[in-house]
Amino acid sequence: MTAQVVYKGDLRCECTHLQSGSVIETDAPSDNKGKGERFSPTDTVCVALATCIITTMGIRAIDMQIDLTETKIDVTKHMLSEPRRIGKIEITLHLPNAGISEKDKNTLQLIGDNCPVMKSLHPNVEVITTYHWL
């Protein structure tokens, strides 16, 4: 088992990662009967995509002796209705440019674009990924 989720009532869940004991809470969004005081379940999907992109890039970057530390990522979620679902996710990465060749940038971007979360999303979810090498 990977995690245990406990519904705490009031549209909030407590999620425990069993290997580490790390805990996150979710809340329904304020536009859907929640308080919006925590990440919503759909927020966590979008954040999972962003963290998967940079994590898979980071794994390859280590082998390439490239440091991606301090990369910042902006995540924007766009919801649709009927049925209510994620319609579009915009991910903008702000990456260090310190002498990284175009070939290496392209390799890392290809890896990010093919991360496991990206491959797990429904094809109807539009994903726009922008890489800014600063």
Protein backbone atom coordinates (compact mmCIF):
# COMPACT_ATOMS: atom_id res chain seq x y z
CA MET A 1 0.00 0.00 0.00
CA THR A 2 1.27 3.51 -0.88
CA ALA A 3 -0.93 5.77 1.19
CA GLN A 4 -3.91 5.87 3.49
CA VAL A 5 -6.63 8.48 3.11
CA VAL A 6 -9.04 9.32 5.91
CA TYR A 7 -12.12 11.44 5.22
CA LYS A 8 -12.23 13.93 8.10
CA GLY A 9 -15.66 15.38 7.29
CA ASP A 10 -16.50 18.86 6.03
CA LEU A 11 -15.12 17.87 2.58
CA ARG A 12 -11.57 17.46 3.91
CA CYS A 13 -9.24 14.45 3.67
CA GLU A 14 -5.99 13.59 5.45
CA CYS A 15 -3.56 11.64 3.28
CA THR A 16 -0.63 9.80 4.84
CA HIS A 17 2.31 8.51 2.80
CA LEU A 18 3.02 5.20 4.51
CA GLN A 19 6.75 4.94 3.78
CA SER A 20 7.63 8.38 5.15
CA GLY A 21 4.69 9.29 7.36
CA SER A 22 4.35 12.58 5.47
CA VAL A 23 0.82 14.00 5.63
CA ILE A 24 -1.09 16.28 3.29
CA GLU A 25 -4.66 17.47 3.60
CA THR A 26 -7.11 18.25 0.84
CA ASP A 27 -10.20 20.42 0.90
CA ALA A 28 -12.97 20.96 -1.60
CA PRO A 29 -12.51 24.20 -3.54
CA SER A 30 -14.50 27.25 -2.51
CA ASP A 31 -16.38 27.17 -5.84
CA ASN A 32 -17.61 23.65 -5.07
CA LYS A 33 -18.96 23.78 -1.50
CA GLY A 34 -15.53 23.67 0.17
CA LYS A 35 -13.55 26.13 2.23
CA GLY A 36 -10.60 26.21 -0.19
CA GLU A 37 -8.18 26.13 2.75
CA ARG A 38 -6.00 23.34 1.33
CA PHE A 39 -5.13 21.96 -2.08
CA SER A 40 -8.20 20.47 -3.73
CA PRO A 41 -7.97 16.97 -5.22
CA THR A 42 -7.76 18.47 -8.71
CA ASP A 43 -5.05 20.90 -7.52
CA THR A 44 -3.00 17.91 -6.40
CA VAL A 45 -3.28 16.37 -9.87
CA CYS A 46 -1.86 19.55 -11.43
CA VAL A 47 0.89 19.82 -8.81
CA ALA A 48 1.69 16.12 -9.33
CA LEU A 49 2.23 16.87 -13.00
CA ALA A 50 4.58 19.77 -12.24
CA THR A 51 6.60 17.83 -9.68
CA CYS A 52 6.80 14.80 -11.97
CA ILE A 53 8.11 16.93 -14.84
CA ILE A 54 10.91 18.46 -12.76
CA THR A 55 11.69 15.23 -10.91
CA THR A 56 12.18 13.22 -14.11
CA MET A 57 14.22 16.07 -15.59
CA GLY A 58 16.24 16.20 -12.37
CA ILE A 59 17.01 12.48 -12.53
CA ARG A 60 18.47 12.85 -16.02
CA ALA A 61 20.15 16.17 -15.14
CA ILE A 62 22.16 14.43 -12.40
CA ASP A 63 23.57 12.02 -15.00
CA MET A 64 24.29 14.99 -17.30
CA GLN A 65 25.99 16.89 -14.44
CA ILE A 66 23.45 19.72 -14.75
CA ASP A 67 22.05 21.41 -11.64
CA LEU A 68 18.36 22.31 -11.83
CA THR A 69 18.21 23.48 -8.22
CA GLU A 70 15.95 26.50 -7.63
CA THR A 71 13.81 25.83 -10.69
CA LYS A 72 10.45 27.48 -10.08
CA ILE A 73 7.26 26.21 -11.65
CA ASP A 74 3.98 28.08 -12.12
CA VAL A 75 0.89 25.86 -12.24
CA THR A 76 -2.51 27.01 -13.51
CA LYS A 77 -5.57 24.76 -13.51
CA HIS A 78 -8.62 25.38 -15.69
CA MET A 79 -11.79 23.51 -14.77
CA LEU A 80 -14.66 22.54 -17.05
CA SER A 81 -18.21 21.63 -16.15
CA GLU A 82 -20.66 19.01 -17.38
CA PRO A 83 -18.94 16.92 -16.18
CA ARG A 84 -16.82 18.89 -13.74
CA ARG A 85 -13.21 18.03 -14.55
CA ILE A 86 -9.79 19.46 -15.31
CA GLY A 87 -9.89 20.84 -18.84
CA LYS A 88 -6.47 22.42 -19.13
CA ILE A 89 -3.25 22.56 -17.12
CA GLU A 90 -0.64 25.22 -17.80
CA ILE A 91 2.87 24.53 -16.51
CA THR A 92 5.61 27.14 -16.84
CA LEU A 93 9.09 26.15 -15.71
CA HIS A 94 11.70 28.80 -14.92
CA LEU A 95 14.99 26.89 -15.19
CA PRO A 96 18.62 27.92 -14.65
CA ASN A 97 20.48 28.42 -17.93
CA ALA A 98 24.07 28.28 -16.64
CA GLY A 99 25.81 27.21 -19.83
CA ILE A 100 23.41 24.42 -20.74
CA SER A 101 23.60 23.52 -24.43
CA GLU A 102 20.52 23.59 -26.66
CA LYS A 103 20.90 19.84 -27.16
CA ASP A 104 20.83 19.22 -23.39
CA LYS A 105 17.86 21.59 -22.94
CA ASN A 106 15.95 19.72 -25.66
CA THR A 107 16.80 16.36 -24.05
CA LEU A 108 15.58 17.54 -20.64
CA GLN A 109 12.40 19.05 -22.08
CA LEU A 110 11.59 15.82 -23.93
CA ILE A 111 11.97 13.94 -20.67
CA GLY A 112 9.70 16.41 -18.88
CA ASP A 113 7.08 16.18 -21.61
CA ASN A 114 7.01 12.39 -21.23
CA CYS A 115 6.97 12.04 -17.45
CA PRO A 116 4.76 9.31 -15.92
CA VAL A 117 2.05 11.70 -14.72
CA MET A 118 1.82 13.29 -18.18
CA LYS A 119 1.38 9.81 -19.67
CA SER A 120 -1.30 9.04 -17.07
CA LEU A 121 -3.55 12.01 -17.81
CA HIS A 122 -6.63 11.55 -19.97
CA PRO A 123 -5.93 12.71 -23.56
CA ASN A 124 -8.83 15.19 -23.31
CA VAL A 125 -6.90 17.20 -20.70
CA GLU A 126 -5.04 19.95 -22.57
CA VAL A 127 -1.53 20.45 -21.19
CA ILE A 128 0.54 23.47 -22.12
CA THR A 129 4.13 23.24 -20.91
CA THR A 130 6.48 26.19 -21.33
CA TYR A 131 10.19 26.01 -20.55
CA HIS A 132 11.95 29.31 -19.76
CA TRP A 133 15.70 28.90 -19.45
CA LEU A 134 16.84 31.95 -17.47
